[in-house]
Amino acid sequence: IFADQLVAPFFVCEGDNVREPIASMPGHARLSADLVSEEVAILAGLGVRAVLLFGVPAVKDGQGSGAWADEGPVPAAIRSIRRVTPAMSVWADVCLCEYTDHGHCGLLDGHGVDVDVDVDNDATLPLLAKVALAYARAGADVIAPSDMMDGRVAAIREALDDDGFKDRVIVSYAVKYASAFYGPFREAAGSAPRQGDRRGYQMDPRNAREALREARADVAEGADMIIVKPGLPYLDVIRMVRDAVDVPIAAYQVSGEYSMIHAAAEKGWIDLDRAMFETTLALRRAGADLVISYFARDLAIALRRSEGPA
C-alpha cells in the first residue's frame, strides 16, 4: 500500500467552521467547505493524492435540486480545495440520495410527490448530468456517479463533452451492491430512504456475473475507471471485474466496514492498526488499483511513520 493509492472521502455540509462528529464513524465528521480544505491540505502533506466529496445540504426536495446548486456544499468545497491544494485530485460523487427528501437516488414516479418508491430511471438522467456539470464547472477533476441508473455514464459523458469538459474523468460506481454495510454513511449523509429500499436499482449480493455486465457496459459508455462497492464482502467480484475490463479498478471500503473494525477494536477484540492494514491489503491483493477508505488519513500517517509501503 502506498499513500497515493488511497482516496479519502469527506462529508461536506453548509456553513463556515462547522464540524459535526458522526457518532457511528469514529474520527469522522460532517465538515464545512473551509474545514474540508484544511483537512485535504494535511492529506496532501501525507502523500494522499485524491479525495471524494459527498454533499450534506440543509434543505432537501423531491428532485434533489440542491445537488446542482452552484453554491451547494460540494461546489463550495471544490473551489476551496482548489485555492488551498490545487494539485489534489478532487472526485465529486454524483447522486441524488443526499439531496432528495425521500432518500432515493433518482426521481420517483410522479417526480418525487408520489408515495410510490419506483424510481424513474430515464427522468433521472438529465438531472444527474446537471449535477456533473455543476461539479465540473466548480473545478472537479473526477465525476463519480453512484446512483446506479442505467445509461447515466453515457448521459454524463455527453453533457460534459458538449460543455467543453472532455478532459474530465468519469469514475463509475458500476458495481454497487444493495448492501447491509451502508448504515453509517446514511446516518452521516441523512440519506436513508423514507420508504422502501434500493434493491430495485442496486445489485443483488447473490449475483456476481451481473457485475461483469455492469462494468463492461459502463466502460462502453465512457467510464475511465470502475468502482466496486462494498469492498471486503466482494473480493471475488473485484478480481472478476479486474480481469474483465482494461480500465483501473477502485475498491470502496465502505462506512460499515470501517465502523465494524472500529467497534471490534473498541471492545478489545482486534488490533485496530493491524486490521486496518490487513483489510486494505486484501482489497489491493484482490486487484484494486485504488482504495477508497475512511482509514485513508490513518493509513497515510502510519505509512509515513514506517517510511515505506505496507
Protein backbone atom coordinates (compact mmCIF):
# COMPACT_ATOMS: atom_id res chain seq x y z
CA ILE A 1 0.00 0.00 0.00
CA PHE A 2 1.21 3.48 -0.87
CA ALA A 3 -0.49 6.71 0.26
CA ASP A 4 -1.11 7.73 -3.34
CA GLN A 5 -3.23 4.60 -3.85
CA LEU A 6 -5.77 5.90 -1.31
CA VAL A 7 -8.84 8.08 -1.86
CA ALA A 8 -10.20 9.88 1.21
CA PRO A 9 -13.97 10.53 1.44
CA PHE A 10 -15.45 13.66 3.05
CA PHE A 11 -18.97 14.69 4.03
CA VAL A 12 -19.39 18.38 3.23
CA CYS A 13 -22.08 20.44 4.97
CA GLU A 14 -23.13 24.05 4.58
CA GLY A 15 -21.81 26.99 6.61
CA ASP A 16 -18.41 28.06 7.89
CA ASN A 17 -16.24 26.50 10.59
CA VAL A 18 -18.74 23.66 11.05
CA ARG A 19 -17.63 20.31 12.45
CA GLU A 20 -20.36 17.82 13.35
CA PRO A 21 -18.97 14.47 14.61
CA ILE A 22 -20.58 11.35 13.15
CA ALA A 23 -21.44 9.03 16.03
CA SER A 24 -21.25 5.81 14.03
CA MET A 25 -17.96 6.71 12.31
CA PRO A 26 -15.28 7.43 14.95
CA GLY A 27 -12.83 10.07 13.81
CA HIS A 28 -15.10 11.46 11.09
CA ALA A 29 -17.38 14.48 10.98
CA ARG A 30 -19.54 16.48 8.62
CA LEU A 31 -17.34 19.46 7.74
CA SER A 32 -17.99 22.81 6.10
CA ALA A 33 -16.02 23.59 2.95
CA ASP A 34 -13.37 25.66 4.74
CA LEU A 35 -12.56 22.85 7.18
CA VAL A 36 -12.57 20.26 4.40
CA SER A 37 -9.90 22.22 2.56
CA GLU A 38 -7.78 22.29 5.72
CA GLU A 39 -8.07 18.52 6.11
CA VAL A 40 -7.26 17.99 2.45
CA ALA A 41 -4.07 20.05 2.81
CA ILE A 42 -2.99 17.73 5.64
CA LEU A 43 -3.69 14.68 3.49
CA ALA A 44 -1.64 16.15 0.66
CA GLY A 45 1.27 16.53 3.04
CA LEU A 46 0.94 12.83 3.90
CA GLY A 47 1.08 11.80 0.24
CA VAL A 48 -2.65 11.21 -0.42
CA ARG A 49 -3.47 12.43 -3.92
CA ALA A 50 -7.26 12.12 -4.20
CA VAL A 51 -10.36 12.97 -2.18
CA LEU A 52 -14.04 12.11 -2.74
CA LEU A 53 -16.74 14.61 -1.77
CA PHE A 54 -20.33 13.95 -0.64
CA GLY A 55 -22.73 16.83 -0.03
CA VAL A 56 -25.00 17.18 3.01
CA PRO A 57 -27.45 20.00 2.23
CA ALA A 58 -29.54 21.90 4.77
CA VAL A 59 -32.69 21.67 2.61
CA LYS A 60 -33.95 18.76 0.52
CA ASP A 61 -36.74 18.39 -2.02
CA GLY A 62 -38.32 15.80 -4.26
CA GLN A 63 -35.94 16.37 -7.16
CA GLY A 64 -32.74 16.81 -5.16
CA SER A 65 -32.21 20.21 -6.73
CA GLY A 66 -29.57 21.18 -4.17
CA ALA A 67 -27.24 18.71 -5.88
CA TRP A 68 -26.66 21.03 -8.85
CA ALA A 69 -26.80 24.36 -6.98
CA ASP A 70 -23.73 26.43 -7.84
CA GLU A 71 -23.34 27.45 -4.19
CA GLY A 72 -24.06 23.98 -2.82
CA PRO A 73 -21.71 22.26 -0.37
CA VAL A 74 -19.77 20.21 -2.94
CA PRO A 75 -19.04 23.06 -5.40
CA ALA A 76 -18.06 25.24 -2.43
CA ALA A 77 -15.66 22.56 -1.19
CA ILE A 78 -14.19 22.02 -4.66
CA ARG A 79 -13.42 25.72 -5.02
CA SER A 80 -11.95 25.89 -1.51
CA ILE A 81 -9.72 22.87 -2.11
CA ARG A 82 -8.60 24.33 -5.44
CA ARG A 83 -7.45 27.51 -3.64
CA VAL A 84 -5.60 25.70 -0.86
CA THR A 85 -4.31 22.50 -2.51
CA PRO A 86 -4.55 22.93 -6.29
CA ALA A 87 -2.67 19.71 -7.08
CA MET A 88 -5.15 17.47 -5.24
CA SER A 89 -7.34 15.27 -7.46
CA VAL A 90 -10.90 16.14 -6.45
CA TRP A 91 -13.57 13.49 -7.02
CA ALA A 92 -17.21 14.56 -6.74
CA ASP A 93 -19.82 11.89 -6.06
CA VAL A 94 -22.88 12.28 -8.30
CA CYS A 95 -26.13 11.01 -6.78
CA LEU A 96 -29.40 12.49 -5.60
CA CYS A 97 -29.97 10.47 -2.42
CA GLU A 98 -28.34 13.03 -0.10
CA TYR A 99 -30.46 15.79 -1.65
CA THR A 100 -33.92 14.24 -2.03
CA ASP A 101 -36.49 14.41 0.73
CA HIS A 102 -37.43 10.78 0.02
CA GLY A 103 -33.85 9.50 0.19
CA HIS A 104 -33.79 7.66 -3.12
CA CYS A 105 -31.06 8.04 -5.73
CA GLY A 106 -33.35 9.23 -8.52
CA LEU A 107 -36.72 10.79 -9.21
CA LEU A 108 -39.70 8.80 -8.05
CA ASP A 109 -42.58 8.20 -10.40
CA GLY A 110 -44.57 11.40 -10.10
CA HIS A 111 -41.32 13.40 -9.77
CA GLY A 112 -40.96 12.90 -6.07
CA VAL A 113 -44.50 13.70 -4.94
CA ASP A 114 -45.96 10.20 -5.25
CA VAL A 115 -45.67 7.76 -2.36
CA ASP A 116 -44.64 5.06 -4.85
CA VAL A 117 -40.95 4.20 -4.44
CA ASP A 118 -40.41 3.14 -8.05
CA VAL A 119 -37.53 5.23 -9.37
CA ASP A 120 -37.91 6.76 -12.83
CA ASN A 121 -34.56 5.86 -14.39
CA ASP A 122 -34.86 7.87 -17.63
CA ALA A 123 -36.24 11.01 -15.98
CA THR A 124 -33.31 10.97 -13.57
CA LEU A 125 -30.56 11.00 -16.21
CA PRO A 126 -30.82 14.71 -17.19
CA LEU A 127 -30.64 15.68 -13.51
CA LEU A 128 -27.51 13.62 -12.96
CA ALA A 129 -25.98 15.33 -15.98
CA LYS A 130 -26.81 18.72 -14.41
CA VAL A 131 -25.07 17.68 -11.20
CA ALA A 132 -22.00 16.51 -13.11
CA LEU A 133 -21.81 19.82 -14.97
CA ALA A 134 -22.12 21.84 -11.76
CA TYR A 135 -19.20 19.94 -10.25
CA ALA A 136 -17.08 20.16 -13.39
CA ARG A 137 -17.66 23.91 -13.60
CA ALA A 138 -16.61 24.24 -9.95
CA GLY A 139 -13.33 22.51 -10.80
CA ALA A 140 -13.78 18.79 -10.04
CA ASP A 141 -11.25 16.58 -11.80
CA VAL A 142 -13.33 13.41 -11.48
CA ILE A 143 -17.08 12.87 -11.77
CA ALA A 144 -18.15 9.76 -9.85
CA PRO A 145 -21.78 8.71 -10.49
CA SER A 146 -23.02 6.36 -7.75
CA ASP A 147 -26.77 6.35 -8.41
CA MET A 148 -26.91 3.08 -10.39
CA MET A 149 -29.31 4.43 -13.03
CA ASP A 150 -28.91 2.65 -16.37
CA GLY A 151 -27.32 4.87 -19.02
CA ARG A 152 -26.06 7.55 -16.68
CA VAL A 153 -22.41 7.29 -17.74
CA ALA A 154 -23.34 7.98 -21.38
CA ALA A 155 -25.60 10.87 -20.35
CA ILE A 156 -22.91 12.44 -18.19
CA ARG A 157 -20.16 11.92 -20.78
CA GLU A 158 -22.27 13.61 -23.46
CA ALA A 159 -23.13 16.54 -21.20
CA LEU A 160 -19.51 17.05 -20.15
CA ASP A 161 -18.21 16.84 -23.70
CA ASP A 162 -20.85 19.23 -25.03
CA ASP A 163 -19.97 21.78 -22.32
CA GLY A 164 -16.22 21.69 -23.02
CA PHE A 165 -15.19 19.25 -20.29
CA LYS A 166 -13.82 16.43 -22.44
CA ASP A 167 -10.85 16.18 -20.08
CA ARG A 168 -12.95 15.30 -17.04
CA VAL A 169 -12.58 11.73 -15.83
CA ILE A 170 -15.64 9.60 -15.10
CA VAL A 171 -15.17 7.06 -12.33
CA SER A 172 -18.32 4.97 -12.28
CA TYR A 173 -19.74 3.06 -9.35
CA ALA A 174 -20.61 0.41 -11.91
CA VAL A 175 -20.69 -2.39 -9.35
CA LYS A 176 -22.66 -1.25 -6.31
CA TYR A 177 -24.48 -3.85 -4.29
CA ALA A 178 -27.60 -3.41 -2.15
CA SER A 179 -25.57 -3.95 0.99
CA ALA A 180 -26.07 -4.04 4.76
CA PHE A 181 -22.80 -2.10 5.16
CA TYR A 182 -24.04 1.39 4.22
CA GLY A 183 -25.73 2.26 7.53
CA PRO A 184 -23.15 4.68 8.98
CA PHE A 185 -22.91 6.52 5.65
CA ARG A 186 -26.67 7.01 5.58
CA GLU A 187 -26.53 8.47 9.07
CA ALA A 188 -23.69 10.77 8.06
CA ALA A 189 -25.41 11.97 4.88
CA GLY A 190 -29.02 11.78 6.08
CA SER A 191 -29.75 9.68 3.02
CA ALA A 192 -31.70 6.67 4.29
CA PRO A 193 -34.82 6.06 2.13
CA ARG A 194 -38.01 7.20 3.84
CA GLN A 195 -39.92 4.38 2.17
CA GLY A 196 -38.84 1.14 0.55
CA ASP A 197 -35.22 0.36 -0.20
CA ARG A 198 -32.74 0.50 -3.09
CA ARG A 199 -32.80 -3.11 -4.19
CA GLY A 200 -34.71 -2.11 -7.33
CA TYR A 201 -31.64 -0.37 -8.75
CA GLN A 202 -28.67 -1.54 -6.70
CA MET A 203 -27.30 -5.02 -7.31
CA ASP A 204 -28.31 -8.32 -5.71
CA PRO A 205 -25.49 -9.64 -3.47
CA ARG A 206 -26.17 -13.15 -4.79
CA ASN A 207 -25.31 -12.16 -8.35
CA ALA A 208 -21.64 -11.88 -9.28
CA ARG A 209 -21.98 -12.16 -13.05
CA GLU A 210 -24.12 -9.03 -13.21
CA ALA A 211 -21.04 -7.14 -12.05
CA LEU A 212 -19.28 -8.01 -15.29
CA ARG A 213 -22.21 -6.83 -17.41
CA GLU A 214 -22.47 -3.56 -15.49
CA ALA A 215 -18.72 -2.89 -15.62
CA ARG A 216 -18.42 -3.62 -19.32
CA ALA A 217 -21.50 -1.52 -20.13
CA ASP A 218 -20.16 1.49 -18.23
CA VAL A 219 -16.76 1.24 -19.89
CA ALA A 220 -18.50 1.10 -23.27
CA GLU A 221 -20.43 4.27 -22.32
CA GLY A 222 -17.23 6.13 -21.46
CA ALA A 223 -16.23 5.31 -17.89
CA ASP A 224 -12.50 5.76 -17.30
CA MET A 225 -12.43 3.78 -14.04
CA ILE A 226 -14.77 1.36 -12.25
CA ILE A 227 -15.63 1.25 -8.55
CA VAL A 228 -16.66 -1.95 -6.76
CA LYS A 229 -18.68 -1.25 -3.61
CA PRO A 230 -18.54 -2.56 -0.86
CA GLY A 231 -15.04 -3.96 -0.70
CA LEU A 232 -14.39 -6.82 1.71
CA PRO A 233 -17.61 -8.82 1.11
CA TYR A 234 -16.90 -8.68 -2.64
CA LEU A 235 -13.22 -9.56 -3.02
CA ASP A 236 -14.17 -12.20 -5.58
CA VAL A 237 -16.08 -9.59 -7.58
CA ILE A 238 -13.14 -7.18 -7.51
CA ARG A 239 -10.97 -9.89 -9.03
CA MET A 240 -13.60 -10.81 -11.65
CA VAL A 241 -14.02 -7.19 -12.72
CA ARG A 242 -10.25 -6.61 -12.71
CA ASP A 243 -9.86 -9.50 -15.16
CA ALA A 244 -12.80 -8.40 -17.34
CA VAL A 245 -12.06 -4.74 -18.10
CA ASP A 246 -8.98 -2.80 -19.14
CA VAL A 247 -9.57 0.33 -17.05
CA PRO A 248 -8.37 0.87 -13.46
CA ILE A 249 -10.44 -0.53 -10.58
CA ALA A 250 -11.15 1.17 -7.27
CA ALA A 251 -12.50 -0.74 -4.27
CA TYR A 252 -14.63 1.17 -1.79
CA GLN A 253 -14.09 0.09 1.81
CA VAL A 254 -17.45 1.44 2.91
CA SER A 255 -18.66 3.02 6.14
CA GLY A 256 -19.95 -0.22 7.65
CA GLU A 257 -16.62 -1.93 7.11
CA TYR A 258 -14.80 0.98 8.76
CA SER A 259 -17.20 1.21 11.70
CA MET A 260 -17.27 -2.56 12.22
CA ILE A 261 -13.49 -2.64 12.58
CA HIS A 262 -13.56 0.33 14.96
CA ALA A 263 -16.31 -1.23 17.07
CA ALA A 264 -14.42 -4.51 17.44
CA ALA A 265 -11.22 -2.63 18.30
CA GLU A 266 -13.03 -0.59 20.95
CA LYS A 267 -14.13 -3.87 22.54
CA GLY A 268 -10.51 -5.01 22.58
CA TRP A 269 -11.31 -7.92 20.28
CA ILE A 270 -8.94 -6.95 17.45
CA ASP A 271 -5.95 -4.66 16.91
CA LEU A 272 -7.18 -1.60 15.02
CA ASP A 273 -3.98 -0.78 13.14
CA ARG A 274 -3.32 -4.36 12.09
CA ALA A 275 -6.92 -4.83 10.92
CA MET A 276 -6.77 -1.53 9.03
CA PHE A 277 -3.68 -2.64 7.12
CA GLU A 278 -4.79 -6.23 6.60
CA THR A 279 -8.16 -5.34 5.13
CA THR A 280 -6.69 -2.67 2.84
CA LEU A 281 -4.07 -5.12 1.64
CA ALA A 282 -6.82 -7.64 0.90
CA LEU A 283 -8.53 -5.13 -1.39
CA ARG A 284 -5.29 -4.37 -3.20
CA ARG A 285 -4.43 -8.08 -3.46
CA ALA A 286 -7.86 -8.79 -4.96
CA GLY A 287 -6.99 -6.43 -7.81
CA ALA A 288 -7.92 -2.88 -6.76
CA ASP A 289 -5.62 -0.21 -8.14
CA LEU A 290 -7.02 2.35 -5.70
CA VAL A 291 -8.81 2.00 -2.36
CA ILE A 292 -11.44 4.49 -1.25
CA SER A 293 -11.26 4.31 2.53
CA TYR A 294 -12.28 6.18 5.66
CA PHE A 295 -8.97 4.94 7.04
CA ALA A 296 -7.07 6.98 4.44
CA ARG A 297 -5.63 9.55 6.84
CA ASP A 298 -4.70 6.98 9.50
CA LEU A 299 -3.16 4.73 6.87
CA ALA A 300 -1.17 7.61 5.40
CA ILE A 301 0.12 8.59 8.86
CA ALA A 302 1.13 5.00 9.58
CA LEU A 303 2.84 4.71 6.20
CA ARG A 304 4.74 7.93 6.81
CA ARG A 305 5.80 6.63 10.20
CA SER A 306 7.10 3.41 8.66
CA GLU A 307 8.72 5.36 5.78
CA GLY A 308 7.56 2.98 3.08
CA PRO A 309 4.70 0.97 1.67
CA ALA A 310 2.88 -1.66 3.71
